[in-house]
Amino acid sequence: MNGPLIDVNVHLSRWPCRRAPDDETPRLVDRLRRHGVVEAWAGSLDGLLHKDIAAVNARLAEECRAQTAVRLVPFGTVNPMLPDWQEDLRRCAEAHRMPGIRLFPNYHGYDLEHPEFAKLIRLAAERRLIVTLALLMEDERMMHPLLRVAPVDPAPLADRVAQTPGLRLVLLNALRSLRGAPLIKLLGVGDISVEIATLEGVGGVGNLLADIDVGRALFGSHAPIFYFESALLKLKESSLNETELSAMRHENARRLLPIET
């Protein structure tokens, strides 16, 4: 009715501290397919803690290629705190032909004022890579006592984006705390989009679209860490018109990542 569904926020492999229901790729793909997902932008959970990022990204690319029921699009990890991270970025773009990268600043030990972050997003923009930036990965109530990780502070992002021409940025798991005026201000400085995985409250999507242009809103589930159906319900229970639903389900994501990529 509203066209295909593109999920911009899924992960392959396993969460370090517990098993998730769909942390085996075939099971995740089957769930996505059954709910009408035709394409999912996939990062690797191995990228959070593994130091051999080249191997993480190679596995991710191979696993995405092996799936046919849903088009899995690999978004490789780059950790700018590791030596030779520029080579990991090059491999993502040239060897694996990935259209974008996924960043986990809080797990990799840097804030958004770090000069290496500015360098990384500049190089990504020059390569026309989409940058997906996770502000958090797990509810603090679920965190292991030895792996407590604070959310990323998005405050420096406005200046960083304004100084990076051509950057296409997607904020993942951002809407739990980044709402209202700070979100509106940030979206005004560049080509920035947000997805809805951590959006809470009745009528949350409708309330979000009262603040921001529908063209900046994407569908994301954060599966398998979150239940996929939770994100889908957010669309169903919000009183959106056909144009808004189509934009969020697939048109906005397709603008960022055309099918021929």
C-alpha atoms as a PDB file:
ATOM      1  CA  MET A   1       0.000   0.000   0.000  1.00  0.00           C
ATOM      2  CA  ASN A   2       2.795   2.438   0.896  1.00  0.00           C
ATOM      3  CA  GLY A   3       5.487   0.773  -1.166  1.00  0.00           C
ATOM      4  CA  PRO A   4       8.555  -1.149  -0.017  1.00  0.00           C
ATOM      5  CA  LEU A   5      10.228  -0.762   3.349  1.00  0.00           C
ATOM      6  CA  ILE A   6      13.884   0.164   3.840  1.00  0.00           C
ATOM      7  CA  ASP A   7      15.414  -0.281   7.297  1.00  0.00           C
ATOM      8  CA  VAL A   8      18.500   1.905   7.761  1.00  0.00           C
ATOM      9  CA  ASN A   9      19.509   0.551  11.167  1.00  0.00           C
ATOM     10  CA  VAL A  10      20.177  -3.177  11.531  1.00  0.00           C
ATOM     11  CA  HIS A  11      23.216  -5.089  12.774  1.00  0.00           C
ATOM     12  CA  LEU A  12      24.771  -8.446  12.025  1.00  0.00           C
ATOM     13  CA  SER A  13      26.719 -10.701  14.428  1.00  0.00           C
ATOM     14  CA  ARG A  14      26.118 -10.843  18.190  1.00  0.00           C
ATOM     15  CA  TRP A  15      25.829  -8.367  21.014  1.00  0.00           C
ATOM     16  CA  PRO A  16      28.865  -8.814  23.326  1.00  0.00           C
ATOM     17  CA  CYS A  17      26.914  -9.368  26.567  1.00  0.00           C
ATOM     18  CA  ARG A  18      23.818 -11.365  25.632  1.00  0.00           C
ATOM     19  CA  ARG A  19      22.030 -13.209  22.864  1.00  0.00           C
ATOM     20  CA  ALA A  20      19.334 -11.431  20.864  1.00  0.00           C
ATOM     21  CA  PRO A  21      16.437 -13.339  19.262  1.00  0.00           C
ATOM     22  CA  ASP A  22      17.572 -12.703  15.665  1.00  0.00           C
ATOM     23  CA  ASP A  23      21.343 -12.480  16.042  1.00  0.00           C
ATOM     24  CA  GLU A  24      21.836 -15.129  13.356  1.00  0.00           C
ATOM     25  CA  THR A  25      21.682 -13.454   9.965  1.00  0.00           C
ATOM     26  CA  PRO A  26      19.278 -15.884   8.227  1.00  0.00           C
ATOM     27  CA  ARG A  27      16.757 -15.482  11.057  1.00  0.00           C
ATOM     28  CA  LEU A  28      17.068 -11.692  10.972  1.00  0.00           C
ATOM     29  CA  VAL A  29      16.649 -11.643   7.196  1.00  0.00           C
ATOM     30  CA  ASP A  30      13.588 -13.884   7.438  1.00  0.00           C
ATOM     31  CA  ARG A  31      11.942 -11.540   9.939  1.00  0.00           C
ATOM     32  CA  LEU A  32      12.710  -8.508   7.798  1.00  0.00           C
ATOM     33  CA  ARG A  33      11.339 -10.214   4.686  1.00  0.00           C
ATOM     34  CA  ARG A  34       8.113 -11.250   6.423  1.00  0.00           C
ATOM     35  CA  HIS A  35       7.445  -7.622   7.344  1.00  0.00           C
ATOM     36  CA  GLY A  36       8.013  -6.284   3.851  1.00  0.00           C
ATOM     37  CA  VAL A  37      11.602  -5.044   4.152  1.00  0.00           C
ATOM     38  CA  VAL A  38      13.335  -5.116   0.787  1.00  0.00           C
ATOM     39  CA  GLU A  39      16.574  -3.447   1.877  1.00  0.00           C
ATOM     40  CA  ALA A  40      18.424  -3.037   5.171  1.00  0.00           C
ATOM     41  CA  TRP A  41      21.558  -1.026   5.915  1.00  0.00           C
ATOM     42  CA  ALA A  42      23.663  -3.338   8.043  1.00  0.00           C
ATOM     43  CA  GLY A  43      26.564  -2.681  10.371  1.00  0.00           C
ATOM     44  CA  SER A  44      28.471  -5.264  12.375  1.00  0.00           C
ATOM     45  CA  LEU A  45      28.260  -5.574  16.151  1.00  0.00           C
ATOM     46  CA  ASP A  46      31.820  -6.914  16.019  1.00  0.00           C
ATOM     47  CA  GLY A  47      32.858  -3.366  15.175  1.00  0.00           C
ATOM     48  CA  LEU A  48      32.146  -2.171  18.707  1.00  0.00           C
ATOM     49  CA  LEU A  49      34.961  -4.006  20.483  1.00  0.00           C
ATOM     50  CA  HIS A  50      37.100  -5.815  17.900  1.00  0.00           C
ATOM     51  CA  LYS A  51      40.417  -4.209  17.011  1.00  0.00           C
ATOM     52  CA  ASP A  52      40.849  -5.977  13.664  1.00  0.00           C
ATOM     53  CA  ILE A  53      38.388  -3.732  11.868  1.00  0.00           C
ATOM     54  CA  ALA A  54      39.530  -4.873   8.425  1.00  0.00           C
ATOM     55  CA  ALA A  55      38.441  -8.433   9.238  1.00  0.00           C
ATOM     56  CA  VAL A  56      35.149  -7.185  10.728  1.00  0.00           C
ATOM     57  CA  ASN A  57      34.317  -5.342   7.524  1.00  0.00           C
ATOM     58  CA  ALA A  58      35.381  -8.193   5.263  1.00  0.00           C
ATOM     59  CA  ARG A  59      33.058 -10.571   7.138  1.00  0.00           C
ATOM     60  CA  LEU A  60      30.248  -8.059   6.970  1.00  0.00           C
ATOM     61  CA  ALA A  61      30.592  -7.607   3.222  1.00  0.00           C
ATOM     62  CA  GLU A  62      30.677 -11.365   2.628  1.00  0.00           C
ATOM     63  CA  GLU A  63      27.670 -12.045   4.833  1.00  0.00           C
ATOM     64  CA  CYS A  64      25.625  -9.330   3.128  1.00  0.00           C
ATOM     65  CA  ARG A  65      26.447 -10.754  -0.300  1.00  0.00           C
ATOM     66  CA  ALA A  66      25.313 -14.210   0.823  1.00  0.00           C
ATOM     67  CA  GLN A  67      21.740 -13.045   1.539  1.00  0.00           C
ATOM     68  CA  THR A  68      19.220 -12.799  -1.285  1.00  0.00           C
ATOM     69  CA  ALA A  69      15.779 -12.613   0.346  1.00  0.00           C
ATOM     70  CA  VAL A  70      16.481  -9.044   1.509  1.00  0.00           C
ATOM     71  CA  ARG A  71      19.098  -6.723   0.055  1.00  0.00           C
ATOM     72  CA  LEU A  72      21.590  -6.211   2.894  1.00  0.00           C
ATOM     73  CA  VAL A  73      23.756  -3.149   2.293  1.00  0.00           C
ATOM     74  CA  PRO A  74      27.008  -3.264   4.302  1.00  0.00           C
ATOM     75  CA  PHE A  75      28.072  -0.163   6.235  1.00  0.00           C
ATOM     76  CA  GLY A  76      31.604  -0.785   7.454  1.00  0.00           C
ATOM     77  CA  THR A  77      33.015   0.262  10.804  1.00  0.00           C
ATOM     78  CA  VAL A  78      35.781   2.848  10.989  1.00  0.00           C
ATOM     79  CA  ASN A  79      37.475   3.557  14.328  1.00  0.00           C
ATOM     80  CA  PRO A  80      39.557   6.736  14.051  1.00  0.00           C
ATOM     81  CA  MET A  81      41.350   5.912  17.307  1.00  0.00           C
ATOM     82  CA  LEU A  82      43.084   2.913  15.723  1.00  0.00           C
ATOM     83  CA  PRO A  83      46.285   3.135  13.680  1.00  0.00           C
ATOM     84  CA  ASP A  84      45.833   3.319   9.918  1.00  0.00           C
ATOM     85  CA  TRP A  85      42.096   3.894  10.093  1.00  0.00           C
ATOM     86  CA  GLN A  86      42.350   5.667   6.756  1.00  0.00           C
ATOM     87  CA  GLU A  87      43.113   2.289   5.194  1.00  0.00           C
ATOM     88  CA  ASP A  88      39.931   0.836   6.704  1.00  0.00           C
ATOM     89  CA  LEU A  89      38.004   3.715   5.156  1.00  0.00           C
ATOM     90  CA  ARG A  90      39.660   3.111   1.787  1.00  0.00           C
ATOM     91  CA  ARG A  91      38.829  -0.610   1.894  1.00  0.00           C
ATOM     92  CA  CYS A  92      35.187   0.147   2.696  1.00  0.00           C
ATOM     93  CA  ALA A  93      34.906   2.375  -0.351  1.00  0.00           C
ATOM     94  CA  GLU A  94      37.190   0.645  -2.850  1.00  0.00           C
ATOM     95  CA  ALA A  95      37.559  -3.028  -1.926  1.00  0.00           C
ATOM     96  CA  HIS A  96      34.065  -3.713  -0.571  1.00  0.00           C
ATOM     97  CA  ARG A  97      32.203  -1.028  -2.555  1.00  0.00           C
ATOM     98  CA  MET A  98      30.256  -0.018   0.537  1.00  0.00           C
ATOM     99  CA  PRO A  99      28.077   3.086   0.145  1.00  0.00           C
ATOM    100  CA  GLY A 100      28.634   4.216   3.719  1.00  0.00           C
ATOM    101  CA  ILE A 101      30.237   3.682   7.105  1.00  0.00           C
ATOM    102  CA  ARG A 102      29.002   3.246  10.661  1.00  0.00           C
ATOM    103  CA  LEU A 103      30.584   5.028  13.624  1.00  0.00           C
ATOM    104  CA  PHE A 104      30.425   4.157  17.335  1.00  0.00           C
ATOM    105  CA  PRO A 105      32.214   7.064  19.074  1.00  0.00           C
ATOM    106  CA  ASN A 106      31.295   6.125  22.646  1.00  0.00           C
ATOM    107  CA  TYR A 107      32.548   2.541  22.244  1.00  0.00           C
ATOM    108  CA  HIS A 108      35.691   3.687  20.447  1.00  0.00           C
ATOM    109  CA  GLY A 109      36.660   6.299  23.009  1.00  0.00           C
ATOM    110  CA  TYR A 110      36.347   9.682  21.319  1.00  0.00           C
ATOM    111  CA  ASP A 111      33.958  12.612  21.384  1.00  0.00           C
ATOM    112  CA  LEU A 112      32.732  14.621  18.419  1.00  0.00           C
ATOM    113  CA  GLU A 113      35.210  17.430  19.082  1.00  0.00           C
ATOM    114  CA  HIS A 114      38.145  15.103  18.444  1.00  0.00           C
ATOM    115  CA  PRO A 115      40.209  16.249  15.414  1.00  0.00           C
ATOM    116  CA  GLU A 116      40.325  12.696  14.037  1.00  0.00           C
ATOM    117  CA  PHE A 117      36.525  12.654  13.868  1.00  0.00           C
ATOM    118  CA  ALA A 118      36.556  15.852  11.830  1.00  0.00           C
ATOM    119  CA  LYS A 119      39.153  14.332   9.520  1.00  0.00           C
ATOM    120  CA  LEU A 120      37.172  11.119   9.166  1.00  0.00           C
ATOM    121  CA  ILE A 121      33.888  12.737   8.166  1.00  0.00           C
ATOM    122  CA  ARG A 122      35.727  15.044   5.733  1.00  0.00           C
ATOM    123  CA  LEU A 123      37.348  12.081   3.992  1.00  0.00           C
ATOM    124  CA  ALA A 124      34.040  10.199   3.971  1.00  0.00           C
ATOM    125  CA  ALA A 125      32.296  13.183   2.383  1.00  0.00           C
ATOM    126  CA  GLU A 126      35.006  13.418  -0.270  1.00  0.00           C
ATOM    127  CA  ARG A 127      34.332   9.767  -1.145  1.00  0.00           C
ATOM    128  CA  ARG A 128      30.556  10.404  -1.163  1.00  0.00           C
ATOM    129  CA  LEU A 129      30.068   7.885   1.631  1.00  0.00           C
ATOM    130  CA  ILE A 130      26.990   8.097   3.842  1.00  0.00           C
ATOM    131  CA  VAL A 131      28.042   8.418   7.477  1.00  0.00           C
ATOM    132  CA  THR A 132      25.750   6.653   9.970  1.00  0.00           C
ATOM    133  CA  LEU A 133      26.530   7.697  13.539  1.00  0.00           C
ATOM    134  CA  ALA A 134      25.140   5.766  16.513  1.00  0.00           C
ATOM    135  CA  LEU A 135      24.531   8.000  19.538  1.00  0.00           C
ATOM    136  CA  LEU A 136      23.811   4.985  21.734  1.00  0.00           C
ATOM    137  CA  MET A 137      23.559   1.234  21.316  1.00  0.00           C
ATOM    138  CA  GLU A 138      21.927  -0.046  24.494  1.00  0.00           C
ATOM    139  CA  ASP A 139      19.610   1.236  27.191  1.00  0.00           C
ATOM    140  CA  GLU A 140      21.722   1.934  30.277  1.00  0.00           C
ATOM    141  CA  ARG A 141      19.375  -0.267  32.333  1.00  0.00           C
ATOM    142  CA  MET A 142      20.483  -3.244  30.231  1.00  0.00           C
ATOM    143  CA  MET A 143      24.227  -2.548  30.351  1.00  0.00           C
ATOM    144  CA  HIS A 144      26.665  -4.970  31.914  1.00  0.00           C
ATOM    145  CA  PRO A 145      28.313  -3.360  34.980  1.00  0.00           C
ATOM    146  CA  LEU A 146      31.744  -3.663  33.351  1.00  0.00           C
ATOM    147  CA  LEU A 147      30.569  -2.237  30.033  1.00  0.00           C
ATOM    148  CA  ARG A 148      28.729   0.937  30.918  1.00  0.00           C
ATOM    149  CA  VAL A 149      28.930   3.371  28.013  1.00  0.00           C
ATOM    150  CA  ALA A 150      27.496   6.891  28.065  1.00  0.00           C
ATOM    151  CA  PRO A 151      25.545   8.165  25.040  1.00  0.00           C
ATOM    152  CA  VAL A 152      27.387  10.321  22.526  1.00  0.00           C
ATOM    153  CA  ASP A 153      26.961  14.062  23.141  1.00  0.00           C
ATOM    154  CA  PRO A 154      25.709  15.500  19.820  1.00  0.00           C
ATOM    155  CA  ALA A 155      26.378  19.135  20.778  1.00  0.00           C
ATOM    156  CA  PRO A 156      29.552  19.530  18.653  1.00  0.00           C
ATOM    157  CA  LEU A 157      27.894  18.088  15.547  1.00  0.00           C
ATOM    158  CA  ALA A 158      26.441  21.331  14.221  1.00  0.00           C
ATOM    159  CA  ASP A 159      29.862  22.949  13.862  1.00  0.00           C
ATOM    160  CA  ARG A 160      31.412  19.762  12.454  1.00  0.00           C
ATOM    161  CA  VAL A 161      28.711  19.364   9.811  1.00  0.00           C
ATOM    162  CA  ALA A 162      28.827  23.030   8.842  1.00  0.00           C
ATOM    163  CA  GLN A 163      32.569  22.655   8.249  1.00  0.00           C
ATOM    164  CA  THR A 164      32.188  19.521   6.100  1.00  0.00           C
ATOM    165  CA  PRO A 165      30.740  20.256   2.654  1.00  0.00           C
ATOM    166  CA  GLY A 166      28.969  17.353   0.999  1.00  0.00           C
ATOM    167  CA  LEU A 167      28.532  15.307   4.172  1.00  0.00           C
ATOM    168  CA  ARG A 168      25.475  13.042   4.284  1.00  0.00           C
ATOM    169  CA  LEU A 169      24.868  12.104   7.906  1.00  0.00           C
ATOM    170  CA  VAL A 170      22.304   9.716   9.396  1.00  0.00           C
ATOM    171  CA  LEU A 171      21.887   9.731  13.173  1.00  0.00           C
ATOM    172  CA  LEU A 172      21.074   6.328  14.626  1.00  0.00           C
ATOM    173  CA  ASN A 173      19.373   5.793  17.991  1.00  0.00           C
ATOM    174  CA  ALA A 174      19.296   9.538  18.550  1.00  0.00           C
ATOM    175  CA  LEU A 175      15.683  10.383  19.348  1.00  0.00           C
ATOM    176  CA  ARG A 176      15.609   9.222  22.942  1.00  0.00           C
ATOM    177  CA  SER A 177      17.342  12.432  23.996  1.00  0.00           C
ATOM    178  CA  LEU A 178      17.785  14.611  20.897  1.00  0.00           C
ATOM    179  CA  ARG A 179      14.391  16.231  20.388  1.00  0.00           C
ATOM    180  CA  GLY A 180      12.761  19.613  19.965  1.00  0.00           C
ATOM    181  CA  ALA A 181      14.830  22.746  19.440  1.00  0.00           C
ATOM    182  CA  PRO A 182      18.284  21.065  19.564  1.00  0.00           C
ATOM    183  CA  LEU A 183      17.204  18.581  16.880  1.00  0.00           C
ATOM    184  CA  ILE A 184      15.645  21.253  14.698  1.00  0.00           C
ATOM    185  CA  LYS A 185      18.778  23.397  14.950  1.00  0.00           C
ATOM    186  CA  LEU A 186      21.053  20.492  14.085  1.00  0.00           C
ATOM    187  CA  LEU A 187      19.034  19.403  11.060  1.00  0.00           C
ATOM    188  CA  GLY A 188      19.226  22.948   9.751  1.00  0.00           C
ATOM    189  CA  VAL A 189      22.988  22.944   9.253  1.00  0.00           C
ATOM    190  CA  GLY A 190      23.325  20.232   6.609  1.00  0.00           C
ATOM    191  CA  ASP A 191      22.135  17.006   5.014  1.00  0.00           C
ATOM    192  CA  ILE A 192      21.261  15.186   8.250  1.00  0.00           C
ATOM    193  CA  SER A 193      18.559  12.573   8.757  1.00  0.00           C
ATOM    194  CA  VAL A 194      17.315  10.651  11.798  1.00  0.00           C
ATOM    195  CA  GLU A 195      15.660   7.262  12.196  1.00  0.00           C
ATOM    196  CA  ILE A 196      12.973   6.252  14.658  1.00  0.00           C
ATOM    197  CA  ALA A 197      14.288   3.209  16.567  1.00  0.00           C
ATOM    198  CA  THR A 198      14.576   5.018  19.924  1.00  0.00           C
ATOM    199  CA  LEU A 199      11.572   7.306  19.470  1.00  0.00           C
ATOM    200  CA  GLU A 200       9.197   6.857  22.407  1.00  0.00           C
ATOM    201  CA  GLY A 201       5.663   7.902  23.252  1.00  0.00           C
ATOM    202  CA  VAL A 202       2.186   7.533  21.782  1.00  0.00           C
ATOM    203  CA  GLY A 203       1.973   9.229  18.401  1.00  0.00           C
ATOM    204  CA  GLY A 204       5.732   9.668  18.470  1.00  0.00           C
ATOM    205  CA  VAL A 205       6.264   9.772  14.720  1.00  0.00           C
ATOM    206  CA  GLY A 206       3.488  12.307  14.239  1.00  0.00           C
ATOM    207  CA  ASN A 207       4.940  14.469  17.006  1.00  0.00           C
ATOM    208  CA  LEU A 208       8.375  14.215  15.407  1.00  0.00           C
ATOM    209  CA  LEU A 209       7.037  15.348  12.042  1.00  0.00           C
ATOM    210  CA  ALA A 210       5.415  18.343  13.714  1.00  0.00           C
ATOM    211  CA  ASP A 211       8.966  19.519  14.443  1.00  0.00           C
ATOM    212  CA  ILE A 212      10.984  18.387  11.419  1.00  0.00           C
ATOM    213  CA  ASP A 213      10.471  17.962   7.702  1.00  0.00           C
ATOM    214  CA  VAL A 214       9.331  14.470   6.764  1.00  0.00           C
ATOM    215  CA  GLY A 215      12.212  14.337   4.279  1.00  0.00           C
ATOM    216  CA  ARG A 216      14.646  14.031   7.195  1.00  0.00           C
ATOM    217  CA  ALA A 217      12.911  11.047   8.844  1.00  0.00           C
ATOM    218  CA  LEU A 218      13.899   7.446   8.086  1.00  0.00           C
ATOM    219  CA  PHE A 219      12.651   4.041   9.177  1.00  0.00           C
ATOM    220  CA  GLY A 220      15.096   2.231  11.451  1.00  0.00           C
ATOM    221  CA  SER A 221      14.571  -0.689  13.817  1.00  0.00           C
ATOM    222  CA  HIS A 222      17.919  -1.247  15.584  1.00  0.00           C
ATOM    223  CA  ALA A 223      17.295  -4.970  15.089  1.00  0.00           C
ATOM    224  CA  PRO A 224      18.200  -7.397  16.515  1.00  0.00           C
ATOM    225  CA  ILE A 225      19.033  -5.387  19.666  1.00  0.00           C
ATOM    226  CA  PHE A 226      15.469  -4.024  19.597  1.00  0.00           C
ATOM    227  CA  TYR A 227      12.436  -5.953  18.402  1.00  0.00           C
ATOM    228  CA  PHE A 228      11.788  -5.102  14.775  1.00  0.00           C
ATOM    229  CA  GLU A 229       8.028  -5.008  15.325  1.00  0.00           C
ATOM    230  CA  SER A 230       8.425  -2.130  17.781  1.00  0.00           C
ATOM    231  CA  ALA A 231       9.624   0.197  15.019  1.00  0.00           C
ATOM    232  CA  LEU A 232       6.933  -0.986  12.634  1.00  0.00           C
ATOM    233  CA  LEU A 233       4.242  -0.292  15.234  1.00  0.00           C
ATOM    234  CA  LYS A 234       5.441   3.301  15.506  1.00  0.00           C
ATOM    235  CA  LEU A 235       4.479   3.838  11.873  1.00  0.00           C
ATOM    236  CA  LYS A 236       1.166   2.023  12.188  1.00  0.00           C
ATOM    237  CA  GLU A 237      -0.071   3.868  15.261  1.00  0.00           C
ATOM    238  CA  SER A 238       0.816   7.341  14.001  1.00  0.00           C
ATOM    239  CA  SER A 239      -1.753   9.217  11.936  1.00  0.00           C
ATOM    240  CA  LEU A 240       0.422   9.798   8.875  1.00  0.00           C
ATOM    241  CA  ASN A 241      -0.910  10.392   5.395  1.00  0.00           C
ATOM    242  CA  GLU A 242       0.092   8.301   2.388  1.00  0.00           C
ATOM    243  CA  THR A 243       2.753  10.772   1.283  1.00  0.00           C
ATOM    244  CA  GLU A 244       4.405  10.832   4.701  1.00  0.00           C
ATOM    245  CA  LEU A 245       4.311   7.056   5.047  1.00  0.00           C
ATOM    246  CA  SER A 246       5.858   6.504   1.627  1.00  0.00           C
ATOM    247  CA  ALA A 247       8.580   9.037   2.390  1.00  0.00           C
ATOM    248  CA  MET A 248       9.505   7.372   5.670  1.00  0.00           C
ATOM    249  CA  ARG A 249       9.167   3.795   4.455  1.00  0.00           C
ATOM    250  CA  HIS A 250      11.460   4.092   1.461  1.00  0.00           C
ATOM    251  CA  GLU A 251      11.625   7.363  -0.474  1.00  0.00           C
ATOM    252  CA  ASN A 252      13.918   9.245   1.904  1.00  0.00           C
ATOM    253  CA  ALA A 253      16.346   6.336   2.179  1.00  0.00           C
ATOM    254  CA  ARG A 254      16.332   5.899  -1.597  1.00  0.00           C
ATOM    255  CA  ARG A 255      17.216   9.559  -2.023  1.00  0.00           C
ATOM    256  CA  LEU A 256      20.311   8.998   0.097  1.00  0.00           C
ATOM    257  CA  LEU A 257      21.162   5.664  -1.509  1.00  0.00           C
ATOM    258  CA  PRO A 258      19.878   5.223  -5.075  1.00  0.00           C
ATOM    259  CA  ILE A 259      19.162   1.663  -6.133  1.00  0.00           C
ATOM    260  CA  GLU A 260      22.020   1.563  -8.644  1.00  0.00           C
ATOM    261  CA  THR A 261      24.600   2.048  -5.855  1.00  0.00           C
END
